[in-house]
């Protein structure tokens, strides 16, 4: 390719997705103080590119928040987990998927000071009036995709239901609740639980026993 030739520009949808992906971690870090120059630099484009895709910074931030809160990626990642994995590895994979999204969402909420119902930058995908917390979290009960996430967790744990002392739905709910609370910087006092700690606690508890865990992972 000659030096004078330029790479073919991305289609508008791909350009939009690239800018949104670049904006999400910056919004989580800087909140409203993030600049379009920072976002453009992270996306590897000129700052003017943003305004050929979005009306203004507000629209870009809103799109980024919508994407961060949207449960579809979580559903897709849960659906991709190999149900044939050993129990510990399978539960660990579930926890990592849930925690990855929750940590990002919590960072954005804190950086943006997004109390439930905050009007200007309220997530618009899957949220309805009265909903508390991000879709997929225990408190987000109005989005049907929240239930889909729960059912995916149940489906992935179901093969080992006979090994649990509680019904598999109860185990799935405990896993979701501990992941939520252990991933929130205020609830955990800044000491976030690792995915391994969450998985081990759910599967083996914290009390010492003479037997050893048979889940294939370390004890908490």
C-alpha atoms as a PDB file:
ATOM      1  CA  UNK A   1       0.000   0.000   0.000  1.00  0.00           C
ATOM      2  CA  UNK A   2       1.320   3.459  -0.900  1.00  0.00           C
ATOM      3  CA  UNK A   3       1.948   5.851   1.963  1.00  0.00           C
ATOM      4  CA  UNK A   4      -0.604   8.227   0.514  1.00  0.00           C
ATOM      5  CA  UNK A   5      -3.289   5.581   0.706  1.00  0.00           C
ATOM      6  CA  UNK A   6      -5.338   5.427   3.840  1.00  0.00           C
ATOM      7  CA  UNK A   7      -6.933   2.474   5.517  1.00  0.00           C
ATOM      8  CA  UNK A   8     -10.537   1.999   4.522  1.00  0.00           C
ATOM      9  CA  UNK A   9     -12.743   3.740   7.133  1.00  0.00           C
ATOM     10  CA  UNK A  10     -14.923   1.590   9.354  1.00  0.00           C
ATOM     11  CA  UNK A  11     -18.640   1.438   8.569  1.00  0.00           C
ATOM     12  CA  UNK A  12     -20.691   3.772  10.821  1.00  0.00           C
ATOM     13  CA  UNK A  13     -21.977   0.956  13.054  1.00  0.00           C
ATOM     14  CA  UNK A  14     -18.477  -0.401  13.637  1.00  0.00           C
ATOM     15  CA  UNK A  15     -17.116   3.099  14.230  1.00  0.00           C
ATOM     16  CA  UNK A  16     -19.879   3.700  16.760  1.00  0.00           C
ATOM     17  CA  UNK A  17     -19.177   0.402  18.531  1.00  0.00           C
ATOM     18  CA  UNK A  18     -15.443   1.179  18.642  1.00  0.00           C
ATOM     19  CA  UNK A  19     -16.046   4.578  20.234  1.00  0.00           C
ATOM     20  CA  UNK A  20     -18.479   3.142  22.773  1.00  0.00           C
ATOM     21  CA  UNK A  21     -16.027   0.384  23.720  1.00  0.00           C
ATOM     22  CA  UNK A  22     -13.273   2.958  24.197  1.00  0.00           C
ATOM     23  CA  UNK A  23     -15.549   5.208  26.248  1.00  0.00           C
ATOM     24  CA  UNK A  24     -16.775   2.647  28.792  1.00  0.00           C
ATOM     25  CA  UNK A  25     -13.544   2.219  30.847  1.00  0.00           C
ATOM     26  CA  UNK A  26     -12.837   5.953  30.624  1.00  0.00           C
ATOM     27  CA  UNK A  27     -16.296   6.816  31.941  1.00  0.00           C
ATOM     28  CA  UNK A  28     -15.791   4.276  34.723  1.00  0.00           C
ATOM     29  CA  UNK A  29     -12.562   6.074  35.665  1.00  0.00           C
ATOM     30  CA  UNK A  30     -13.391   9.738  35.055  1.00  0.00           C
ATOM     31  CA  UNK A  31     -17.188   9.995  35.021  1.00  0.00           C
ATOM     32  CA  UNK A  32     -18.460  13.190  33.391  1.00  0.00           C
ATOM     33  CA  UNK A  33     -14.934  14.634  33.404  1.00  0.00           C
ATOM     34  CA  UNK A  34     -13.953  12.340  30.528  1.00  0.00           C
ATOM     35  CA  UNK A  35     -13.189  14.308  27.375  1.00  0.00           C
ATOM     36  CA  UNK A  36     -13.956  13.477  23.782  1.00  0.00           C
ATOM     37  CA  UNK A  37     -10.218  13.800  23.113  1.00  0.00           C
ATOM     38  CA  UNK A  38      -9.504  11.021  25.636  1.00  0.00           C
ATOM     39  CA  UNK A  39     -12.130   8.805  24.048  1.00  0.00           C
ATOM     40  CA  UNK A  40     -10.890   9.493  20.534  1.00  0.00           C
ATOM     41  CA  UNK A  41      -7.300   8.725  21.556  1.00  0.00           C
ATOM     42  CA  UNK A  42      -8.369   5.448  23.170  1.00  0.00           C
ATOM     43  CA  UNK A  43     -10.295   4.508  20.027  1.00  0.00           C
ATOM     44  CA  UNK A  44      -7.376   5.494  17.787  1.00  0.00           C
ATOM     45  CA  UNK A  45      -9.334   8.069  15.774  1.00  0.00           C
ATOM     46  CA  UNK A  46      -9.401  11.831  15.326  1.00  0.00           C
ATOM     47  CA  UNK A  47     -11.590  13.697  17.804  1.00  0.00           C
ATOM     48  CA  UNK A  48     -13.799  14.961  14.982  1.00  0.00           C
ATOM     49  CA  UNK A  49     -14.750  11.378  14.169  1.00  0.00           C
ATOM     50  CA  UNK A  50     -16.894  11.302  17.293  1.00  0.00           C
ATOM     51  CA  UNK A  51     -19.125  14.071  16.017  1.00  0.00           C
ATOM     52  CA  UNK A  52     -19.674  12.308  12.720  1.00  0.00           C
ATOM     53  CA  UNK A  53     -21.196   9.418  14.671  1.00  0.00           C
ATOM     54  CA  UNK A  54     -22.716  11.094  17.729  1.00  0.00           C
ATOM     55  CA  UNK A  55     -24.489  14.408  18.064  1.00  0.00           C
ATOM     56  CA  UNK A  56     -22.443  15.366  21.113  1.00  0.00           C
ATOM     57  CA  UNK A  57     -20.581  14.021  24.126  1.00  0.00           C
ATOM     58  CA  UNK A  58     -23.842  13.476  26.009  1.00  0.00           C
ATOM     59  CA  UNK A  59     -25.137  11.087  23.361  1.00  0.00           C
ATOM     60  CA  UNK A  60     -21.856   9.156  23.364  1.00  0.00           C
ATOM     61  CA  UNK A  61     -21.868   8.806  27.145  1.00  0.00           C
ATOM     62  CA  UNK A  62     -25.479   7.649  27.083  1.00  0.00           C
ATOM     63  CA  UNK A  63     -24.674   5.039  24.437  1.00  0.00           C
ATOM     64  CA  UNK A  64     -21.709   3.799  26.469  1.00  0.00           C
ATOM     65  CA  UNK A  65     -23.814   3.490  29.613  1.00  0.00           C
ATOM     66  CA  UNK A  66     -26.531   1.639  27.716  1.00  0.00           C
ATOM     67  CA  UNK A  67     -23.954  -0.833  26.425  1.00  0.00           C
ATOM     68  CA  UNK A  68     -22.301  -1.351  29.819  1.00  0.00           C
ATOM     69  CA  UNK A  69     -25.645  -2.054  31.467  1.00  0.00           C
ATOM     70  CA  UNK A  70     -27.048  -4.218  28.673  1.00  0.00           C
ATOM     71  CA  UNK A  71     -27.276  -7.889  29.799  1.00  0.00           C
ATOM     72  CA  UNK A  72     -26.942  -9.351  26.294  1.00  0.00           C
ATOM     73  CA  UNK A  73     -23.175  -9.779  26.485  1.00  0.00           C
ATOM     74  CA  UNK A  74     -23.506 -11.485  29.880  1.00  0.00           C
ATOM     75  CA  UNK A  75     -26.111 -13.864  28.470  1.00  0.00           C
ATOM     76  CA  UNK A  76     -23.883 -14.662  25.499  1.00  0.00           C
ATOM     77  CA  UNK A  77     -20.828 -15.309  27.690  1.00  0.00           C
ATOM     78  CA  UNK A  78     -22.790 -17.548  30.050  1.00  0.00           C
ATOM     79  CA  UNK A  79     -24.137 -19.425  27.052  1.00  0.00           C
ATOM     80  CA  UNK A  80     -20.583 -20.042  25.848  1.00  0.00           C
ATOM     81  CA  UNK A  81     -19.440 -21.747  29.084  1.00  0.00           C
ATOM     82  CA  UNK A  82     -18.703 -25.445  28.592  1.00  0.00           C
ATOM     83  CA  UNK A  83     -21.263 -27.322  30.670  1.00  0.00           C
ATOM     84  CA  UNK A  84     -18.911 -30.306  30.612  1.00  0.00           C
ATOM     85  CA  UNK A  85     -16.299 -28.547  32.767  1.00  0.00           C
ATOM     86  CA  UNK A  86     -15.734 -29.870  36.304  1.00  0.00           C
ATOM     87  CA  UNK A  87     -18.011 -28.196  38.848  1.00  0.00           C
ATOM     88  CA  UNK A  88     -15.421 -25.846  40.347  1.00  0.00           C
ATOM     89  CA  UNK A  89     -14.160 -24.613  36.968  1.00  0.00           C
ATOM     90  CA  UNK A  90     -17.710 -24.218  35.687  1.00  0.00           C
ATOM     91  CA  UNK A  91     -18.813 -22.255  38.756  1.00  0.00           C
ATOM     92  CA  UNK A  92     -15.654 -20.154  38.534  1.00  0.00           C
ATOM     93  CA  UNK A  93     -16.403 -19.330  34.894  1.00  0.00           C
ATOM     94  CA  UNK A  94     -19.951 -18.250  35.832  1.00  0.00           C
ATOM     95  CA  UNK A  95     -18.619 -16.048  38.609  1.00  0.00           C
ATOM     96  CA  UNK A  96     -16.039 -14.393  36.375  1.00  0.00           C
ATOM     97  CA  UNK A  97     -18.672 -13.521  33.775  1.00  0.00           C
ATOM     98  CA  UNK A  98     -20.993 -12.016  36.383  1.00  0.00           C
ATOM     99  CA  UNK A  99     -18.240 -10.211  38.247  1.00  0.00           C
ATOM    100  CA  UNK A 100     -16.601  -8.721  35.164  1.00  0.00           C
ATOM    101  CA  UNK A 101     -19.785  -6.895  34.237  1.00  0.00           C
ATOM    102  CA  UNK A 102     -20.791  -5.927  37.764  1.00  0.00           C
ATOM    103  CA  UNK A 103     -17.414  -4.356  38.552  1.00  0.00           C
ATOM    104  CA  UNK A 104     -17.626  -2.205  35.412  1.00  0.00           C
ATOM    105  CA  UNK A 105     -21.213  -1.184  36.112  1.00  0.00           C
ATOM    106  CA  UNK A 106     -20.470  -0.289  39.739  1.00  0.00           C
ATOM    107  CA  UNK A 107     -17.486   1.818  38.697  1.00  0.00           C
ATOM    108  CA  UNK A 108     -19.648   3.718  36.218  1.00  0.00           C
ATOM    109  CA  UNK A 109     -22.426   4.247  38.748  1.00  0.00           C
ATOM    110  CA  UNK A 110     -19.965   5.627  41.287  1.00  0.00           C
ATOM    111  CA  UNK A 111     -18.066   7.765  38.785  1.00  0.00           C
ATOM    112  CA  UNK A 112     -21.303   9.190  37.390  1.00  0.00           C
ATOM    113  CA  UNK A 113     -23.008   9.380  40.805  1.00  0.00           C
ATOM    114  CA  UNK A 114     -25.883   7.453  39.248  1.00  0.00           C
ATOM    115  CA  UNK A 115     -28.451   6.910  41.959  1.00  0.00           C
ATOM    116  CA  UNK A 116     -31.399   4.709  40.889  1.00  0.00           C
ATOM    117  CA  UNK A 117     -33.748   6.797  38.776  1.00  0.00           C
ATOM    118  CA  UNK A 118     -31.134   9.447  37.967  1.00  0.00           C
ATOM    119  CA  UNK A 119     -32.724  10.947  34.859  1.00  0.00           C
ATOM    120  CA  UNK A 120     -30.044  12.364  32.565  1.00  0.00           C
ATOM    121  CA  UNK A 121     -27.796   9.367  32.081  1.00  0.00           C
ATOM    122  CA  UNK A 122     -30.106   6.653  33.288  1.00  0.00           C
ATOM    123  CA  UNK A 123     -29.462   3.371  31.416  1.00  0.00           C
ATOM    124  CA  UNK A 124     -32.169   3.038  28.816  1.00  0.00           C
ATOM    125  CA  UNK A 125     -31.804  -0.578  27.733  1.00  0.00           C
ATOM    126  CA  UNK A 126     -33.779  -2.997  29.827  1.00  0.00           C
ATOM    127  CA  UNK A 127     -34.467  -0.612  32.703  1.00  0.00           C
ATOM    128  CA  UNK A 128     -37.972   0.348  33.707  1.00  0.00           C
ATOM    129  CA  UNK A 129     -39.262   2.788  36.327  1.00  0.00           C
ATOM    130  CA  UNK A 130     -38.703   1.443  39.803  1.00  0.00           C
ATOM    131  CA  UNK A 131     -35.879  -0.897  38.907  1.00  0.00           C
ATOM    132  CA  UNK A 132     -33.024  -0.873  41.393  1.00  0.00           C
ATOM    133  CA  UNK A 133     -29.527  -1.865  40.336  1.00  0.00           C
ATOM    134  CA  UNK A 134     -28.063  -2.913  37.004  1.00  0.00           C
ATOM    135  CA  UNK A 135     -29.852  -5.582  34.932  1.00  0.00           C
ATOM    136  CA  UNK A 136     -28.651  -8.994  36.025  1.00  0.00           C
ATOM    137  CA  UNK A 137     -28.111  -7.927  39.620  1.00  0.00           C
ATOM    138  CA  UNK A 138     -30.291  -9.370  42.415  1.00  0.00           C
ATOM    139  CA  UNK A 139     -32.254  -6.138  42.774  1.00  0.00           C
ATOM    140  CA  UNK A 140     -33.030  -5.725  39.088  1.00  0.00           C
ATOM    141  CA  UNK A 141     -36.293  -7.621  38.979  1.00  0.00           C
ATOM    142  CA  UNK A 142     -38.168  -5.893  36.167  1.00  0.00           C
ATOM    143  CA  UNK A 143     -35.997  -6.786  33.186  1.00  0.00           C
ATOM    144  CA  UNK A 144     -36.929 -10.239  31.826  1.00  0.00           C
ATOM    145  CA  UNK A 145     -33.296 -10.711  30.810  1.00  0.00           C
ATOM    146  CA  UNK A 146     -32.411 -10.667  34.507  1.00  0.00           C
ATOM    147  CA  UNK A 147     -34.424 -13.861  34.842  1.00  0.00           C
ATOM    148  CA  UNK A 148     -32.707 -15.248  31.755  1.00  0.00           C
ATOM    149  CA  UNK A 149     -29.340 -14.705  33.421  1.00  0.00           C
ATOM    150  CA  UNK A 150     -30.573 -16.519  36.523  1.00  0.00           C
ATOM    151  CA  UNK A 151     -31.919 -19.414  34.437  1.00  0.00           C
ATOM    152  CA  UNK A 152     -28.570 -19.666  32.633  1.00  0.00           C
ATOM    153  CA  UNK A 153     -26.792 -19.989  35.985  1.00  0.00           C
ATOM    154  CA  UNK A 154     -29.258 -22.692  37.041  1.00  0.00           C
ATOM    155  CA  UNK A 155     -28.782 -24.527  33.740  1.00  0.00           C
ATOM    156  CA  UNK A 156     -25.016 -24.537  34.159  1.00  0.00           C
ATOM    157  CA  UNK A 157     -25.212 -25.836  37.735  1.00  0.00           C
ATOM    158  CA  UNK A 158     -27.966 -28.378  37.117  1.00  0.00           C
ATOM    159  CA  UNK A 159     -25.686 -31.320  36.128  1.00  0.00           C
ATOM    160  CA  UNK A 160     -24.323 -31.355  39.704  1.00  0.00           C
ATOM    161  CA  UNK A 161     -27.596 -30.721  41.521  1.00  0.00           C
ATOM    162  CA  UNK A 162     -27.316 -34.042  43.382  1.00  0.00           C
ATOM    163  CA  UNK A 163     -24.064 -32.862  44.987  1.00  0.00           C
ATOM    164  CA  UNK A 164     -25.654 -29.795  46.595  1.00  0.00           C
ATOM    165  CA  UNK A 165     -27.266 -29.714  50.026  1.00  0.00           C
ATOM    166  CA  UNK A 166     -29.793 -27.166  48.743  1.00  0.00           C
ATOM    167  CA  UNK A 167     -31.935 -26.996  45.594  1.00  0.00           C
ATOM    168  CA  UNK A 168     -29.934 -25.850  42.578  1.00  0.00           C
ATOM    169  CA  UNK A 169     -31.994 -22.648  42.321  1.00  0.00           C
ATOM    170  CA  UNK A 170     -30.999 -21.748  45.880  1.00  0.00           C
ATOM    171  CA  UNK A 171     -27.342 -22.385  45.059  1.00  0.00           C
ATOM    172  CA  UNK A 172     -27.629 -20.206  41.948  1.00  0.00           C
ATOM    173  CA  UNK A 173     -29.204 -17.424  43.986  1.00  0.00           C
ATOM    174  CA  UNK A 174     -26.497 -17.616  46.676  1.00  0.00           C
ATOM    175  CA  UNK A 175     -23.827 -17.452  43.974  1.00  0.00           C
ATOM    176  CA  UNK A 176     -25.451 -14.419  42.403  1.00  0.00           C
ATOM    177  CA  UNK A 177     -25.931 -12.627  45.730  1.00  0.00           C
ATOM    178  CA  UNK A 178     -22.366 -13.240  46.920  1.00  0.00           C
ATOM    179  CA  UNK A 179     -20.956 -12.164  43.567  1.00  0.00           C
ATOM    180  CA  UNK A 180     -23.020  -8.979  43.682  1.00  0.00           C
ATOM    181  CA  UNK A 181     -22.057  -8.019  47.240  1.00  0.00           C
ATOM    182  CA  UNK A 182     -18.454  -9.186  46.894  1.00  0.00           C
ATOM    183  CA  UNK A 183     -17.986  -7.108  43.757  1.00  0.00           C
ATOM    184  CA  UNK A 184     -19.391  -3.850  45.144  1.00  0.00           C
ATOM    185  CA  UNK A 185     -16.672  -1.538  46.501  1.00  0.00           C
ATOM    186  CA  UNK A 186     -18.897  -0.080  49.231  1.00  0.00           C
ATOM    187  CA  UNK A 187     -20.539  -3.299  50.391  1.00  0.00           C
ATOM    188  CA  UNK A 188     -17.126  -5.001  50.516  1.00  0.00           C
ATOM    189  CA  UNK A 189     -15.419  -1.977  52.107  1.00  0.00           C
ATOM    190  CA  UNK A 190     -13.059  -1.858  49.164  1.00  0.00           C
ATOM    191  CA  UNK A 191     -11.899  -5.457  49.649  1.00  0.00           C
ATOM    192  CA  UNK A 192     -13.470  -7.103  46.624  1.00  0.00           C
ATOM    193  CA  UNK A 193     -13.739 -10.857  46.715  1.00  0.00           C
ATOM    194  CA  UNK A 194     -11.952 -12.702  43.944  1.00  0.00           C
ATOM    195  CA  UNK A 195     -13.883 -15.035  41.680  1.00  0.00           C
ATOM    196  CA  UNK A 196     -11.988 -17.914  43.297  1.00  0.00           C
ATOM    197  CA  UNK A 197     -13.013 -16.829  46.809  1.00  0.00           C
ATOM    198  CA  UNK A 198     -16.656 -16.518  45.796  1.00  0.00           C
ATOM    199  CA  UNK A 199     -16.676 -19.898  44.086  1.00  0.00           C
ATOM    200  CA  UNK A 200     -14.942 -21.662  46.968  1.00  0.00           C
ATOM    201  CA  UNK A 201     -17.255 -20.083  49.560  1.00  0.00           C
ATOM    202  CA  UNK A 202     -20.391 -21.084  47.676  1.00  0.00           C
ATOM    203  CA  UNK A 203     -19.259 -24.638  46.994  1.00  0.00           C
ATOM    204  CA  UNK A 204     -17.353 -25.401  50.223  1.00  0.00           C
ATOM    205  CA  UNK A 205     -18.234 -22.768  52.807  1.00  0.00           C
ATOM    206  CA  UNK A 206     -15.734 -21.390  55.309  1.00  0.00           C
ATOM    207  CA  UNK A 207     -15.927 -23.886  58.163  1.00  0.00           C
ATOM    208  CA  UNK A 208     -13.068 -26.371  58.454  1.00  0.00           C
ATOM    209  CA  UNK A 209     -14.116 -29.976  58.003  1.00  0.00           C
ATOM    210  CA  UNK A 210     -12.207 -33.240  58.181  1.00  0.00           C
ATOM    211  CA  UNK A 211     -13.129 -34.043  54.604  1.00  0.00           C
ATOM    212  CA  UNK A 212     -11.573 -32.272  51.647  1.00  0.00           C
ATOM    213  CA  UNK A 213     -13.524 -30.499  48.900  1.00  0.00           C
ATOM    214  CA  UNK A 214     -14.119 -32.511  45.751  1.00  0.00           C
ATOM    215  CA  UNK A 215     -14.757 -29.533  43.481  1.00  0.00           C
ATOM    216  CA  UNK A 216     -11.234 -29.379  42.109  1.00  0.00           C
ATOM    217  CA  UNK A 217     -10.466 -25.920  43.448  1.00  0.00           C
ATOM    218  CA  UNK A 218      -8.814 -24.387  46.503  1.00  0.00           C
ATOM    219  CA  UNK A 219     -10.654 -23.965  49.761  1.00  0.00           C
ATOM    220  CA  UNK A 220     -11.552 -20.437  50.810  1.00  0.00           C
END
